[in-house]
PDB file of all heavy atoms in Angstrom:
ATOM      1  N   LEU A   1     114.709  93.938 109.828  1.00  0.00           N
ATOM      2  CA  LEU A   1     114.549  92.845 108.823  1.00  0.00           C
ATOM      3  C   LEU A   1     113.050  92.791 108.530  1.00  0.00           C
ATOM      4  O   LEU A   1     112.711  92.789 107.358  1.00  0.00           O
ATOM      5  CB  LEU A   1     115.173  91.533 109.281  1.00  0.00           C
ATOM      6  CG  LEU A   1     115.004  90.321 108.324  1.00  0.00           C
ATOM      7  CD1 LEU A   1     116.176  89.490 108.288  1.00  0.00           C
ATOM      8  CD2 LEU A   1     113.817  89.467 108.650  1.00  0.00           C
ATOM      9  N   LEU A   2     112.259  92.612 109.516  1.00  0.00           N
ATOM     10  CA  LEU A   2     110.807  92.494 109.416  1.00  0.00           C
ATOM     11  C   LEU A   2     110.170  93.735 108.732  1.00  0.00           C
ATOM     12  O   LEU A   2     109.323  93.590 107.807  1.00  0.00           O
ATOM     13  CB  LEU A   2     110.149  92.214 110.734  1.00  0.00           C
ATOM     14  CG  LEU A   2     108.722  91.751 110.730  1.00  0.00           C
ATOM     15  CD1 LEU A   2     108.566  90.439 109.905  1.00  0.00           C
ATOM     16  CD2 LEU A   2     108.204  91.589 112.133  1.00  0.00           C
ATOM     17  N   LYS A   3     110.617  94.935 109.118  1.00  0.00           N
ATOM     18  CA  LYS A   3     110.078  96.143 108.516  1.00  0.00           C
ATOM     19  C   LYS A   3     110.452  96.268 107.033  1.00  0.00           C
ATOM     20  O   LYS A   3     109.588  96.595 106.171  1.00  0.00           O
ATOM     21  CB  LYS A   3     110.698  97.341 109.275  1.00  0.00           C
ATOM     22  CG  LYS A   3     110.107  98.672 108.880  1.00  0.00           C
ATOM     23  CD  LYS A   3     110.728  99.860 109.610  1.00  0.00           C
ATOM     24  CE  LYS A   3     110.253 101.154 108.943  1.00  0.00           C
ATOM     25  NZ  LYS A   3     110.907 102.380 109.610  1.00  0.00           N
ATOM     26  N   GLY A   4     111.694  95.963 106.765  1.00  0.00           N
ATOM     27  CA  GLY A   4     112.174  95.989 105.352  1.00  0.00           C
ATOM     28  C   GLY A   4     111.390  95.060 104.404  1.00  0.00           C
ATOM     29  O   GLY A   4     111.008  95.373 103.353  1.00  0.00           O
ATOM     30  N   ALA A   5     111.168  93.800 104.904  1.00  0.00           N
ATOM     31  CA  ALA A   5     110.416  92.812 104.242  1.00  0.00           C
ATOM     32  C   ALA A   5     108.989  93.196 104.044  1.00  0.00           C
ATOM     33  O   ALA A   5     108.443  92.929 102.984  1.00  0.00           O
ATOM     34  CB  ALA A   5     110.539  91.437 104.984  1.00  0.00           C
ATOM     35  N   ALA A   6     108.344  93.711 105.114  1.00  0.00           N
ATOM     36  CA  ALA A   6     107.036  94.247 105.014  1.00  0.00           C
ATOM     37  C   ALA A   6     106.808  95.344 104.043  1.00  0.00           C
ATOM     38  O   ALA A   6     105.835  95.322 103.264  1.00  0.00           O
ATOM     39  CB  ALA A   6     106.487  94.674 106.470  1.00  0.00           C
ATOM     40  N   LEU A   7     107.764  96.265 104.040  1.00  0.00           N
ATOM     41  CA  LEU A   7     107.671  97.336 102.992  1.00  0.00           C
ATOM     42  C   LEU A   7     107.785  96.850 101.599  1.00  0.00           C
ATOM     43  O   LEU A   7     107.099  97.352 100.611  1.00  0.00           O
ATOM     44  CB  LEU A   7     108.695  98.435 103.270  1.00  0.00           C
ATOM     45  CG  LEU A   7     108.430  99.297 104.551  1.00  0.00           C
ATOM     46  CD1 LEU A   7     109.566 100.166 104.897  1.00  0.00           C
ATOM     47  CD2 LEU A   7     107.132 100.180 104.332  1.00  0.00           C
ATOM     48  N   GLN A   8     108.699  95.935 101.377  1.00  0.00           N
ATOM     49  CA  GLN A   8     108.905  95.358 100.033  1.00  0.00           C
ATOM     50  C   GLN A   8     107.654  94.538  99.565  1.00  0.00           C
ATOM     51  O   GLN A   8     107.304  94.646  98.420  1.00  0.00           O
ATOM     52  CB  GLN A   8     110.142  94.354 100.013  1.00  0.00           C
ATOM     53  CG  GLN A   8     110.513  93.881  98.718  1.00  0.00           C
ATOM     54  CD  GLN A   8     111.661  92.833  98.767  1.00  0.00           C
ATOM     55  OE1 GLN A   8     112.560  92.978  99.608  1.00  0.00           O
ATOM     56  NE2 GLN A   8     111.682  91.934  97.807  1.00  0.00           N
ATOM     57  N   THR A   9     106.998  93.930 100.548  1.00  0.00           N
ATOM     58  CA  THR A   9     105.799  93.137 100.223  1.00  0.00           C
ATOM     59  C   THR A   9     104.685  94.091  99.856  1.00  0.00           C
ATOM     60  O   THR A   9     103.984  93.871  98.891  1.00  0.00           O
ATOM     61  CB  THR A   9     105.356  92.297 101.518  1.00  0.00           C
ATOM     62  OG1 THR A   9     106.482  91.367 101.879  1.00  0.00           O
ATOM     63  CG2 THR A   9     104.142  91.510 101.182  1.00  0.00           C
ATOM     64  N   LEU A  10     104.598  95.177 100.640  1.00  0.00           N
ATOM     65  CA  LEU A  10     103.541  96.188 100.383  1.00  0.00           C
ATOM     66  C   LEU A  10     103.653  96.747  98.894  1.00  0.00           C
ATOM     67  O   LEU A  10     102.801  96.962  98.157  1.00  0.00           O
ATOM     68  CB  LEU A  10     103.674  97.327 101.334  1.00  0.00           C
ATOM     69  CG  LEU A  10     102.484  98.245 101.450  1.00  0.00           C
ATOM     70  CD1 LEU A  10     101.288  97.544 101.967  1.00  0.00           C
ATOM     71  CD2 LEU A  10     102.841  99.390 102.450  1.00  0.00           C
ATOM     72  N   GLN A  11     104.899  96.995  98.549  1.00  0.00           N
ATOM     73  CA  GLN A  11     105.247  97.609  97.253  1.00  0.00           C
ATOM     74  C   GLN A  11     104.870  96.667  96.110  1.00  0.00           C
ATOM     75  O   GLN A  11     104.199  96.951  95.145  1.00  0.00           O
ATOM     76  CB  GLN A  11     106.801  97.953  97.190  1.00  0.00           C
ATOM     77  CG  GLN A  11     107.117  98.832  95.976  1.00  0.00           C
ATOM     78  CD  GLN A  11     108.624  99.261  96.088  1.00  0.00           C
ATOM     79  OE1 GLN A  11     109.417  98.516  96.751  1.00  0.00           O
ATOM     80  NE2 GLN A  11     109.023 100.210  95.368  1.00  0.00           N
ATOM     81  N   THR A  12     105.327  95.376  96.241  1.00  0.00           N
ATOM     82  CA  THR A  12     105.080  94.319  95.267  1.00  0.00           C
ATOM     83  C   THR A  12     103.511  94.040  95.104  1.00  0.00           C
ATOM     84  O   THR A  12     103.015  94.005  94.049  1.00  0.00           O
ATOM     85  CB  THR A  12     105.905  93.006  95.593  1.00  0.00           C
ATOM     86  OG1 THR A  12     107.238  93.379  95.715  1.00  0.00           O
ATOM     87  CG2 THR A  12     105.724  92.017  94.466  1.00  0.00           C
ATOM     88  N   VAL A  13     102.944  93.820  96.256  1.00  0.00           N
ATOM     89  CA  VAL A  13     101.490  93.390  96.211  1.00  0.00           C
ATOM     90  C   VAL A  13     100.658  94.562  95.848  1.00  0.00           C
ATOM     91  O   VAL A  13      99.682  94.383  95.063  1.00  0.00           O
ATOM     92  CB  VAL A  13     101.062  92.846  97.613  1.00  0.00           C
ATOM     93  CG1 VAL A  13      99.598  92.481  97.602  1.00  0.00           C
ATOM     94  CG2 VAL A  13     101.870  91.616  97.980  1.00  0.00           C
ATOM     95  N   GLY A  14     101.088  95.815  96.186  1.00  0.00           N
ATOM     96  CA  GLY A  14     100.362  97.024  95.768  1.00  0.00           C
ATOM     97  C   GLY A  14     100.357  96.989  94.245  1.00  0.00           C
ATOM     98  O   GLY A  14      99.204  97.297  93.643  1.00  0.00           O
ATOM     99  N   MET A  15     101.453  96.785  93.591  1.00  0.00           N
ATOM    100  CA  MET A  15     101.541  96.757  92.151  1.00  0.00           C
ATOM    101  C   MET A  15     100.646  95.643  91.553  1.00  0.00           C
ATOM    102  O   MET A  15      99.863  95.963  90.648  1.00  0.00           O
ATOM    103  CB  MET A  15     103.046  96.466  91.681  1.00  0.00           C
ATOM    104  CG  MET A  15     103.219  96.387  90.254  1.00  0.00           C
ATOM    105  SD  MET A  15     103.168  94.753  89.566  1.00  0.00           S
ATOM    106  CE  MET A  15     104.613  93.962  90.305  1.00  0.00           C
ATOM    107  N   ILE A  16     100.634  94.437  92.103  1.00  0.00           N
ATOM    108  CA  ILE A  16      99.767  93.346  91.562  1.00  0.00           C
ATOM    109  C   ILE A  16      98.256  93.762  91.798  1.00  0.00           C
ATOM    110  O   ILE A  16      97.547  93.473  90.860  1.00  0.00           O
ATOM    111  CB  ILE A  16     100.126  91.981  92.331  1.00  0.00           C
ATOM    112  CG1 ILE A  16     101.570  91.535  92.027  1.00  0.00           C
ATOM    113  CG2 ILE A  16      99.070  90.984  92.007  1.00  0.00           C
ATOM    114  CD1 ILE A  16     101.983  90.342  92.796  1.00  0.00           C
ATOM    115  N   VAL A  17      97.944  94.267  92.878  1.00  0.00           N
ATOM    116  CA  VAL A  17      96.478  94.571  93.129  1.00  0.00           C
ATOM    117  C   VAL A  17      95.988  95.714  92.196  1.00  0.00           C
ATOM    118  O   VAL A  17      94.948  95.600  91.597  1.00  0.00           O
ATOM    119  CB  VAL A  17      96.339  95.013  94.656  1.00  0.00           C
ATOM    120  CG1 VAL A  17      94.845  95.644  94.873  1.00  0.00           C
ATOM    121  CG2 VAL A  17      96.481  93.905  95.580  1.00  0.00           C
ATOM    122  N   TRP A  18      96.844  96.751  92.030  1.00  0.00           N
ATOM    123  CA  TRP A  18      96.429  97.854  91.129  1.00  0.00           C
ATOM    124  C   TRP A  18      96.292  97.286  89.695  1.00  0.00           C
ATOM    125  O   TRP A  18      95.386  97.718  88.960  1.00  0.00           O
ATOM    126  CB  TRP A  18      97.525  99.002  91.137  1.00  0.00           C
ATOM    127  CG  TRP A  18      97.078 100.040  92.220  1.00  0.00           C
ATOM    128  CD1 TRP A  18      97.791 100.289  93.369  1.00  0.00           C
ATOM    129  CD2 TRP A  18      95.926 100.866  92.229  1.00  0.00           C
ATOM    130  NE1 TRP A  18      97.081 101.235  94.147  1.00  0.00           N
ATOM    131  CE2 TRP A  18      95.980 101.598  93.369  1.00  0.00           C
ATOM    132  CE3 TRP A  18      94.955 101.060  91.343  1.00  0.00           C
ATOM    133  CZ2 TRP A  18      95.006 102.555  93.760  1.00  0.00           C
ATOM    134  CZ3 TRP A  18      93.926 102.043  91.676  1.00  0.00           C
ATOM    135  CH2 TRP A  18      94.006 102.776  92.842  1.00  0.00           C
ATOM    136  N   ILE A  19      97.291  96.457  89.241  1.00  0.00           N
ATOM    137  CA  ILE A  19      97.123  95.938  87.874  1.00  0.00           C
ATOM    138  C   ILE A  19      95.867  95.058  87.889  1.00  0.00           C
ATOM    139  O   ILE A  19      95.082  95.096  86.869  1.00  0.00           O
ATOM    140  CB  ILE A  19      98.341  95.070  87.525  1.00  0.00           C
ATOM    141  CG1 ILE A  19      99.555  95.938  87.366  1.00  0.00           C
ATOM    142  CG2 ILE A  19      98.079  94.303  86.236  1.00  0.00           C
ATOM    143  CD1 ILE A  19     100.850  95.159  87.038  1.00  0.00           C
ATOM    144  N   GLY A  20      95.569  94.366  88.920  1.00  0.00           N
ATOM    145  CA  GLY A  20      94.368  93.487  88.947  1.00  0.00           C
ATOM    146  C   GLY A  20      93.089  94.300  88.845  1.00  0.00           C
ATOM    147  O   GLY A  20      92.055  93.971  88.117  1.00  0.00           O
ATOM    148  N   ILE A  21      93.124  95.429  89.593  1.00  0.00           N
ATOM    149  CA  ILE A  21      91.905  96.355  89.538  1.00  0.00           C
ATOM    150  C   ILE A  21      91.752  96.924  88.139  1.00  0.00           C
ATOM    151  O   ILE A  21      90.648  96.834  87.587  1.00  0.00           O
ATOM    152  CB  ILE A  21      92.092  97.535  90.508  1.00  0.00           C
ATOM    153  CG1 ILE A  21      91.979  96.969  91.964  1.00  0.00           C
ATOM    154  CG2 ILE A  21      91.170  98.649  90.302  1.00  0.00           C
ATOM    155  CD1 ILE A  21      92.406  98.030  93.084  1.00  0.00           C
ATOM    156  N   GLY A  22      92.843  97.451  87.560  1.00  0.00           N
ATOM    157  CA  GLY A  22      92.784  97.975  86.170  1.00  0.00           C
ATOM    158  C   GLY A  22      92.323  96.942  85.130  1.00  0.00           C
ATOM    159  O   GLY A  22      91.417  97.201  84.341  1.00  0.00           O
ATOM    160  N   ALA A  23      92.958  95.692  85.238  1.00  0.00           N
ATOM    161  CA  ALA A  23      92.614  94.672  84.188  1.00  0.00           C
ATOM    162  C   ALA A  23      91.162  94.176  84.342  1.00  0.00           C
ATOM    163  O   ALA A  23      90.510  93.944  83.386  1.00  0.00           O
ATOM    164  CB  ALA A  23      93.588  93.578  84.375  1.00  0.00           C
ATOM    165  N   SER A  24      90.785  94.001  85.582  1.00  0.00           N
ATOM    166  CA  SER A  24      89.355  93.524  85.912  1.00  0.00           C
ATOM    167  C   SER A  24      88.362  94.532  85.277  1.00  0.00           C
ATOM    168  O   SER A  24      87.335  94.127  84.670  1.00  0.00           O
ATOM    169  CB  SER A  24      89.065  93.404  87.362  1.00  0.00           C
ATOM    170  OG  SER A  24      89.955  92.359  87.928  1.00  0.00           O
ATOM    171  N   ALA A  25      88.663  95.907  85.524  1.00  0.00           N
ATOM    172  CA  ALA A  25      87.704  96.881  85.012  1.00  0.00           C
ATOM    173  C   ALA A  25      87.615  96.874  83.487  1.00  0.00           C
ATOM    174  O   ALA A  25      86.689  96.908  82.828  1.00  0.00           O
ATOM    175  CB  ALA A  25      88.201  98.230  85.462  1.00  0.00           C
ATOM    176  N   LEU A  26      88.869  96.732  82.840  1.00  0.00           N
ATOM    177  CA  LEU A  26      88.984  96.851  81.404  1.00  0.00           C
ATOM    178  C   LEU A  26      88.380  95.607  80.747  1.00  0.00           C
ATOM    179  O   LEU A  26      87.591  95.732  79.751  1.00  0.00           O
ATOM    180  CB  LEU A  26      90.521  96.797  81.000  1.00  0.00           C
ATOM    181  CG  LEU A  26      90.761  96.957  79.493  1.00  0.00           C
ATOM    182  CD1 LEU A  26      90.375  98.352  79.002  1.00  0.00           C
ATOM    183  CD2 LEU A  26      92.217  96.687  79.157  1.00  0.00           C
ATOM    184  N   VAL A  27      88.539  94.418  81.294  1.00  0.00           N
ATOM    185  CA  VAL A  27      87.981  93.109  80.721  1.00  0.00           C
ATOM    186  C   VAL A  27      86.434  93.198  80.948  1.00  0.00           C
ATOM    187  O   VAL A  27      85.722  92.761  80.077  1.00  0.00           O
ATOM    188  CB  VAL A  27      88.611  91.892  81.405  1.00  0.00           C
ATOM    189  CG1 VAL A  27      87.812  90.659  80.996  1.00  0.00           C
ATOM    190  CG2 VAL A  27      90.052  91.788  81.026  1.00  0.00           C
ATOM    191  N   GLY A  28      86.023  93.778  82.118  1.00  0.00           N
ATOM    192  CA  GLY A  28      84.540  93.912  82.285  1.00  0.00           C
ATOM    193  C   GLY A  28      83.907  94.854  81.271  1.00  0.00           C
ATOM    194  O   GLY A  28      82.836  94.387  80.743  1.00  0.00           O
ATOM    195  N   VAL A  29      84.451  95.941  80.964  1.00  0.00           N
ATOM    196  CA  VAL A  29      83.890  96.871  79.942  1.00  0.00           C
ATOM    197  C   VAL A  29      84.003  96.191  78.517  1.00  0.00           C
ATOM    198  O   VAL A  29      83.040  96.210  77.765  1.00  0.00           O
ATOM    199  CB  VAL A  29      84.659  98.244  79.939  1.00  0.00           C
ATOM    200  CG1 VAL A  29      84.161  99.104  78.818  1.00  0.00           C
ATOM    201  CG2 VAL A  29      84.541  98.871  81.294  1.00  0.00           C
ATOM    202  N   PHE A  30      85.098  95.529  78.302  1.00  0.00           N
ATOM    203  CA  PHE A  30      85.400  94.814  77.056  1.00  0.00           C
ATOM    204  C   PHE A  30      84.260  93.804  76.826  1.00  0.00           C
ATOM    205  O   PHE A  30      83.765  93.698  75.678  1.00  0.00           O
ATOM    206  CB  PHE A  30      86.768  94.162  77.112  1.00  0.00           C
ATOM    207  CG  PHE A  30      87.236  93.597  75.833  1.00  0.00           C
ATOM    208  CD1 PHE A  30      87.626  94.349  74.695  1.00  0.00           C
ATOM    209  CD2 PHE A  30      87.221  92.198  75.697  1.00  0.00           C
ATOM    210  CE1 PHE A  30      88.062  93.769  73.514  1.00  0.00           C
ATOM    211  CE2 PHE A  30      87.659  91.513  74.515  1.00  0.00           C
ATOM    212  CZ  PHE A  30      88.096  92.410  73.428  1.00  0.00           C
ATOM    213  N   ASN A  31      83.899  93.021  77.865  1.00  0.00           N
ATOM    214  CA  ASN A  31      82.860  91.938  77.700  1.00  0.00           C
ATOM    215  C   ASN A  31      81.510  92.653  77.506  1.00  0.00           C
ATOM    216  O   ASN A  31      80.714  92.151  76.652  1.00  0.00           O
ATOM    217  CB  ASN A  31      82.870  91.118  79.036  1.00  0.00           C
ATOM    218  CG  ASN A  31      84.039  90.235  79.113  1.00  0.00           C
ATOM    219  OD1 ASN A  31      84.871  90.194  78.282  1.00  0.00           O
ATOM    220  ND2 ASN A  31      84.219  89.622  80.310  1.00  0.00           N
ATOM    221  N   LEU A  32      81.220  93.714  78.170  1.00  0.00           N
ATOM    222  CA  LEU A  32      79.916  94.415  78.061  1.00  0.00           C
ATOM    223  C   LEU A  32      79.768  94.926  76.644  1.00  0.00           C
ATOM    224  O   LEU A  32      78.611  94.948  76.114  1.00  0.00           O
ATOM    225  CB  LEU A  32      79.795  95.601  79.057  1.00  0.00           C
ATOM    226  CG  LEU A  32      79.480  95.237  80.503  1.00  0.00           C
ATOM    227  CD1 LEU A  32      79.555  96.502  81.365  1.00  0.00           C
ATOM    228  CD2 LEU A  32      78.031  94.679  80.590  1.00  0.00           C
ATOM    229  N   MET A  33      80.852  95.346  76.044  1.00  0.00           N
ATOM    230  CA  MET A  33      80.810  95.870  74.609  1.00  0.00           C
ATOM    231  C   MET A  33      80.770  94.810  73.597  1.00  0.00           C
ATOM    232  O   MET A  33      80.715  95.071  72.421  1.00  0.00           O
ATOM    233  CB  MET A  33      82.039  96.739  74.370  1.00  0.00           C
ATOM    234  CG  MET A  33      82.017  98.062  75.148  1.00  0.00           C
ATOM    235  SD  MET A  33      83.546  98.895  75.111  1.00  0.00           S
ATOM    236  CE  MET A  33      83.685  99.358  73.410  1.00  0.00           C
ATOM    237  N   GLY A  34      80.798  93.533  74.095  1.00  0.00           N
ATOM    238  CA  GLY A  34      80.713  92.424  73.133  1.00  0.00           C
ATOM    239  C   GLY A  34      82.102  91.964  72.636  1.00  0.00           C
ATOM    240  O   GLY A  34      82.179  91.215  71.661  1.00  0.00           O
ATOM    241  N   GLY A  35      83.113  92.498  73.274  1.00  0.00           N
ATOM    242  CA  GLY A  35      84.491  92.179  72.823  1.00  0.00           C
ATOM    243  C   GLY A  35      84.816  90.683  72.898  1.00  0.00           C
ATOM    244  O   GLY A  35      85.542  90.222  72.009  1.00  0.00           O
TER     245      GLY A  35
END
């Protein structure tokens, strides 16, 4: 049960973190360009 829950958490949070990394980078460049 614990292993299954941990793997599901890793998958979900991994998705959130990667979107966060991409969005942070995009908004940073957008701001630098005067967007």
